[in-house]
Amino acid sequence: MKGASLPVERELAHAGGLTWQFRQCGVDRPGLPLVLLHPSPRSSAMYTAWLPALAEHGPVYAIDTPGYGGTDPLPTPPQSLADYVAPLHALLHHIAGPRALIYGSATGAQIGIAYALRQPRAVAHLVLDNAAHFTPAQRTALLEHYFPDLVPRTDGSHLTTAWRMAAATQEYFPWFEANEAHRIAPGPALPAAVHAGLCELLGAGPEWTLAYRAAFEHEDAAKVMALEVPTTVLRWQASILLPYIDQLLAHPLPPNVVRLDVPAQADARFQTLNQHLSSLR
């Protein structure tokens, strides 16, 4: 059966005190379950086109982080990413079983690290995409400036702020450093692309910062150095976080943590990711 013929299903499940939304594919196929965790402020929808190819080698589940997509927020604001672990563990045990391969990107990578540190027996292998290390000064700047106030205002000015952030995010990292040293694209994004990013940002709702901020606070090489599960750190050559991925890889990582270089071009990137993920199943 070709991957393109496998349907992607959007599902709801109740676990860990939350109603979760997730997308699944190939759930009746043999093989180690693969779980995909997304960046903030996005949702599992970003993985829809990728799921059928991944399901060629076993069941795949793309999870909406609590508070994003269609998943309930945590009952109280998280103090750290550790607060996401127990409800996520309840969900994964319910839908995927006792052990899974976990892939996470950006915020999803940090949630994967937090999960693997506290539930190592549940993680067969951890694959970290767009995972970085920030120095204390870099982290302080991010936490102070990255998250503008988007509380709705009567004059609609919050929408202008959100548009400005959505546009700058596609041209600079961090978005508030609008200078050549922080440029990640040759020029401004097309309005349609900015609009798509704006919709994702606004769609995350008034608590869009919660997992996002907690992920920046967690983005520390010490967390990766403490991992005991088999782990792959992806060095994607086109990542907006590449300088900070390199800061992570410059640390003395343990032998269970290996590096995989990933080409910049989209087709080559996904071929590399698919081959690596299939080799782990």
Protein backbone atom coordinates (compact mmCIF):
# COMPACT_ATOMS: atom_id res chain seq x y z
CA MET A 1 0.00 0.00 0.00
CA LYS A 2 1.41 3.39 -0.95
CA GLY A 3 1.57 6.11 1.68
CA ALA A 4 -0.56 8.47 -0.40
CA SER A 5 -3.50 6.06 -0.11
CA LEU A 6 -3.48 6.03 3.68
CA PRO A 7 -6.16 8.32 5.11
CA VAL A 8 -5.38 10.91 7.77
CA GLU A 9 -8.01 10.99 10.49
CA ARG A 10 -8.64 13.79 12.97
CA GLU A 11 -9.60 12.39 16.35
CA LEU A 12 -10.50 13.42 19.90
CA ALA A 13 -9.57 11.56 23.07
CA HIS A 14 -10.03 12.17 26.77
CA ALA A 15 -6.91 11.55 28.85
CA GLY A 16 -5.08 13.17 31.75
CA GLY A 17 -8.04 15.43 32.52
CA LEU A 18 -8.02 17.00 29.03
CA THR A 19 -9.80 16.57 25.74
CA TRP A 20 -7.08 16.20 23.11
CA GLN A 21 -7.21 16.64 19.37
CA PHE A 22 -4.76 14.70 17.26
CA ARG A 23 -4.30 13.43 13.72
CA GLN A 24 -3.49 9.81 13.05
CA CYS A 25 -2.57 7.64 10.11
CA GLY A 26 -1.79 3.95 9.65
CA VAL A 27 -2.99 3.00 13.11
CA ASP A 28 -3.69 -0.60 12.03
CA ARG A 29 -0.22 -1.12 10.59
CA PRO A 30 2.52 -2.98 12.48
CA GLY A 31 5.51 -1.10 13.79
CA LEU A 32 6.63 1.18 16.58
CA PRO A 33 4.23 4.12 17.02
CA LEU A 34 5.61 7.50 16.00
CA VAL A 35 4.42 10.65 17.80
CA LEU A 36 4.87 14.12 16.28
CA LEU A 37 4.93 17.24 18.48
CA HIS A 38 4.59 20.65 16.80
CA PRO A 39 6.11 24.13 17.21
CA SER A 40 4.22 27.01 18.82
CA PRO A 41 1.83 28.60 18.04
CA ARG A 42 0.96 26.00 15.40
CA SER A 43 -0.97 22.72 15.60
CA SER A 44 -0.80 19.16 14.32
CA ALA A 45 -2.40 20.38 11.08
CA MET A 46 1.10 21.29 9.87
CA TYR A 47 1.97 17.58 9.68
CA THR A 48 -1.10 16.41 7.73
CA ALA A 49 0.64 16.05 4.36
CA TRP A 50 3.60 14.23 5.94
CA LEU A 51 1.63 11.60 7.87
CA PRO A 52 0.87 9.12 5.04
CA ALA A 53 4.54 8.70 4.12
CA LEU A 54 5.49 8.17 7.77
CA ALA A 55 2.64 5.68 8.23
CA GLU A 56 4.27 3.34 5.70
CA HIS A 57 6.37 2.04 8.61
CA GLY A 58 3.78 2.02 11.40
CA PRO A 59 1.16 4.09 13.16
CA VAL A 60 1.68 7.85 13.40
CA TYR A 61 0.03 10.31 15.77
CA ALA A 62 0.41 14.10 15.49
CA ILE A 63 -0.70 15.72 18.73
CA ASP A 64 -2.10 19.20 19.38
CA THR A 65 -0.25 20.63 22.39
CA PRO A 66 -2.56 21.61 25.28
CA GLY A 67 -3.93 25.07 24.56
CA TYR A 68 -3.21 24.88 20.81
CA GLY A 69 -5.21 23.52 17.91
CA GLY A 70 -8.16 21.58 19.30
CA THR A 71 -6.70 20.43 22.62
CA ASP A 72 -7.88 21.84 25.94
CA PRO A 73 -5.47 24.12 27.78
CA LEU A 74 -3.97 22.88 31.01
CA PRO A 75 -6.33 23.57 33.94
CA THR A 76 -3.85 26.05 35.41
CA PRO A 77 -1.12 28.05 33.64
CA PRO A 78 2.06 25.94 33.42
CA GLN A 79 5.01 26.79 35.60
CA SER A 80 7.29 24.89 33.23
CA LEU A 81 7.14 22.28 30.47
CA ALA A 82 7.17 19.63 33.20
CA ASP A 83 3.47 20.42 33.70
CA TYR A 84 2.71 19.01 30.24
CA VAL A 85 4.30 15.62 30.92
CA ALA A 86 1.69 13.81 33.03
CA PRO A 87 -1.31 14.59 30.77
CA LEU A 88 0.75 13.82 27.64
CA HIS A 89 1.85 10.51 29.15
CA ALA A 90 -1.78 9.62 29.86
CA LEU A 91 -2.73 10.40 26.25
CA LEU A 92 0.15 8.50 24.65
CA HIS A 93 -0.43 5.45 26.81
CA HIS A 94 -4.09 5.59 25.75
CA ILE A 95 -3.63 5.96 21.98
CA ALA A 96 -0.11 4.69 21.21
CA GLY A 97 0.66 2.22 23.97
CA PRO A 98 3.49 2.03 26.48
CA ARG A 99 6.39 3.01 24.19
CA ALA A 100 6.82 5.25 21.16
CA LEU A 101 9.32 7.03 18.93
CA ILE A 102 8.94 10.76 19.50
CA TYR A 103 9.75 13.54 17.02
CA GLY A 104 9.42 17.15 18.09
CA SER A 105 10.17 20.45 16.42
CA ALA A 106 10.96 23.69 18.32
CA THR A 107 8.43 23.78 21.20
CA GLY A 108 7.61 20.17 20.35
CA ALA A 109 11.28 19.23 20.73
CA GLN A 110 11.42 20.83 24.16
CA ILE A 111 8.24 19.04 25.24
CA GLY A 112 9.81 15.83 23.96
CA ILE A 113 12.92 16.46 26.08
CA ALA A 114 10.84 17.20 29.17
CA TYR A 115 8.83 14.04 28.55
CA ALA A 116 11.89 11.83 27.99
CA LEU A 117 13.55 13.13 31.16
CA ARG A 118 10.55 12.09 33.25
CA GLN A 119 9.24 9.07 31.32
CA PRO A 120 12.34 7.49 29.77
CA ARG A 121 10.82 3.99 29.58
CA ALA A 122 8.07 5.35 27.34
CA VAL A 123 10.53 6.74 24.73
CA ALA A 124 12.17 4.34 22.29
CA HIS A 125 14.04 7.18 20.56
CA LEU A 126 13.78 10.97 20.67
CA VAL A 127 14.31 13.00 17.49
CA LEU A 128 14.88 16.72 18.06
CA ASP A 129 14.30 19.15 15.19
CA ASN A 130 14.94 22.89 15.64
CA ALA A 131 16.21 22.24 19.16
CA ALA A 132 18.60 24.88 20.43
CA HIS A 133 20.60 26.26 23.31
CA PHE A 134 20.25 29.87 24.38
CA THR A 135 22.69 31.65 26.64
CA PRO A 136 21.19 33.36 29.71
CA ALA A 137 21.44 36.74 27.96
CA GLN A 138 19.77 35.44 24.80
CA ARG A 139 17.01 33.79 26.81
CA THR A 140 16.37 36.96 28.81
CA ALA A 141 16.02 39.00 25.61
CA LEU A 142 13.63 36.47 24.12
CA LEU A 143 11.42 36.34 27.19
CA GLU A 144 11.33 40.15 27.45
CA HIS A 145 10.62 41.00 23.81
CA TYR A 146 9.30 37.99 21.89
CA PHE A 147 5.72 38.01 23.20
CA PRO A 148 3.79 41.23 22.45
CA ASP A 149 0.46 41.96 24.09
CA LEU A 150 -2.23 40.65 21.75
CA VAL A 151 -5.18 41.11 24.09
CA PRO A 152 -8.07 42.34 21.88
CA ARG A 153 -8.48 46.12 21.95
CA THR A 154 -11.47 48.16 20.82
CA ASP A 155 -9.51 49.95 18.11
CA GLY A 156 -8.18 46.69 16.68
CA SER A 157 -4.56 47.76 17.18
CA HIS A 158 -3.71 44.29 18.53
CA LEU A 159 -4.27 43.00 14.98
CA THR A 160 -1.66 45.41 13.61
CA THR A 161 0.78 44.21 16.27
CA ALA A 162 0.05 40.58 15.41
CA TRP A 163 0.50 41.27 11.68
CA ARG A 164 3.81 43.00 12.31
CA MET A 165 5.03 40.02 14.35
CA ALA A 166 3.79 37.48 11.78
CA ALA A 167 5.59 39.37 9.01
CA ALA A 168 8.84 39.89 10.89
CA THR A 169 8.91 36.26 12.06
CA GLN A 170 9.36 35.17 8.45
CA GLU A 171 12.21 37.60 7.86
CA TYR A 172 14.21 37.70 11.12
CA PHE A 173 14.96 35.59 14.17
CA PRO A 174 14.19 36.70 16.71
CA TRP A 175 11.50 38.72 14.99
CA PHE A 176 12.06 41.83 17.12
CA GLU A 177 15.70 42.08 15.97
CA ALA A 178 14.92 43.52 12.54
CA ASN A 179 18.50 43.91 11.32
CA GLU A 180 20.83 42.20 8.89
CA ALA A 181 22.62 40.22 11.61
CA HIS A 182 19.36 38.42 12.37
CA ARG A 183 18.00 38.05 8.85
CA ILE A 184 16.72 34.56 7.92
CA ALA A 185 15.11 35.38 4.54
CA PRO A 186 16.27 37.52 1.62
CA GLY A 187 13.29 39.84 1.87
CA PRO A 188 9.74 40.32 3.13
CA ALA A 189 7.34 37.39 2.93
CA LEU A 190 4.39 37.49 0.55
CA PRO A 191 1.19 38.86 2.14
CA ALA A 192 -0.52 35.46 1.78
CA ALA A 193 2.24 33.81 3.80
CA VAL A 194 2.05 36.50 6.47
CA HIS A 195 -1.73 36.08 6.60
CA ALA A 196 -1.36 32.32 7.11
CA GLY A 197 1.06 32.91 9.98
CA LEU A 198 -1.27 35.51 11.46
CA CYS A 199 -4.19 33.06 11.39
CA GLU A 200 -2.14 30.46 13.27
CA LEU A 201 -1.07 33.05 15.82
CA LEU A 202 -4.59 34.33 16.45
CA GLY A 203 -6.00 30.81 16.31
CA ALA A 204 -3.92 29.86 19.35
CA GLY A 205 -6.07 32.23 21.41
CA PRO A 206 -5.26 34.60 24.27
CA GLU A 207 -2.97 32.09 25.99
CA TRP A 208 -0.80 31.60 22.90
CA THR A 209 2.36 32.39 24.86
CA LEU A 210 2.16 29.63 27.48
CA ALA A 211 3.91 26.64 25.90
CA TYR A 212 5.93 28.98 23.66
CA ARG A 213 7.42 30.87 26.63
CA ALA A 214 7.97 27.69 28.64
CA ALA A 215 9.87 26.23 25.68
CA PHE A 216 12.27 29.20 25.52
CA GLU A 217 12.87 28.82 29.26
CA HIS A 218 13.63 25.11 28.71
CA GLU A 219 15.97 25.58 25.72
CA ASP A 220 19.18 24.70 27.54
CA ALA A 221 21.88 22.20 26.59
CA ALA A 222 21.93 20.93 30.18
CA LYS A 223 18.51 19.34 29.56
CA VAL A 224 19.81 17.45 26.50
CA MET A 225 22.97 16.45 28.34
CA ALA A 226 20.79 14.86 31.03
CA LEU A 227 18.88 12.63 28.59
CA GLU A 228 19.31 8.89 29.00
CA VAL A 229 17.20 7.78 26.02
CA PRO A 230 18.61 7.33 22.50
CA THR A 231 18.37 10.77 20.91
CA THR A 232 19.07 12.35 17.52
CA VAL A 233 19.65 16.11 17.23
CA LEU A 234 18.86 17.27 13.70
CA ARG A 235 21.05 20.00 12.26
CA TRP A 236 18.79 21.29 9.49
CA GLN A 237 20.88 23.63 7.38
CA ALA A 238 17.94 25.96 6.63
CA SER A 239 16.63 26.20 10.18
CA ILE A 240 16.01 29.71 11.47
CA LEU A 241 17.58 28.43 14.70
CA LEU A 242 20.79 27.13 13.09
CA PRO A 243 23.21 29.34 15.09
CA TYR A 244 21.47 28.22 18.31
CA ILE A 245 21.40 24.57 17.21
CA ASP A 246 25.16 24.90 16.80
CA GLN A 247 25.38 26.34 20.30
CA LEU A 248 23.67 23.17 21.53
CA LEU A 249 25.92 20.87 19.50
CA ALA A 250 29.03 22.64 20.82
CA HIS A 251 28.34 21.17 24.28
CA PRO A 252 29.77 17.79 25.37
CA LEU A 253 26.67 15.72 24.66
CA PRO A 254 26.50 12.15 26.01
CA PRO A 255 27.08 9.16 23.67
CA ASN A 256 23.35 8.38 23.50
CA VAL A 257 22.82 11.77 21.79
CA VAL A 258 23.94 11.85 18.15
CA ARG A 259 23.85 14.50 15.44
CA LEU A 260 22.29 14.14 12.00
CA ASP A 261 22.91 16.75 9.32
CA VAL A 262 19.81 17.55 7.26
CA PRO A 263 19.97 19.29 3.86
CA ALA A 264 18.43 22.72 3.42
CA GLN A 265 16.25 21.90 0.41
CA ALA A 266 12.71 20.79 1.27
CA ASP A 267 12.67 17.58 -0.81
CA ALA A 268 16.08 16.46 0.43
CA ARG A 269 15.17 17.40 3.96
CA PHE A 270 12.05 15.26 4.08
CA GLN A 271 13.79 12.37 2.34
CA THR A 272 16.46 12.47 5.06
CA LEU A 273 13.87 12.73 7.84
CA ASN A 274 11.77 9.89 6.42
CA GLN A 275 14.79 7.61 6.04
CA HIS A 276 15.99 8.33 9.57
CA LEU A 277 12.59 7.89 11.21
CA SER A 278 11.93 4.67 9.30
CA SER A 279 15.33 3.30 10.37
CA LEU A 280 14.32 3.73 14.01
CA ARG A 281 11.13 1.66 13.63
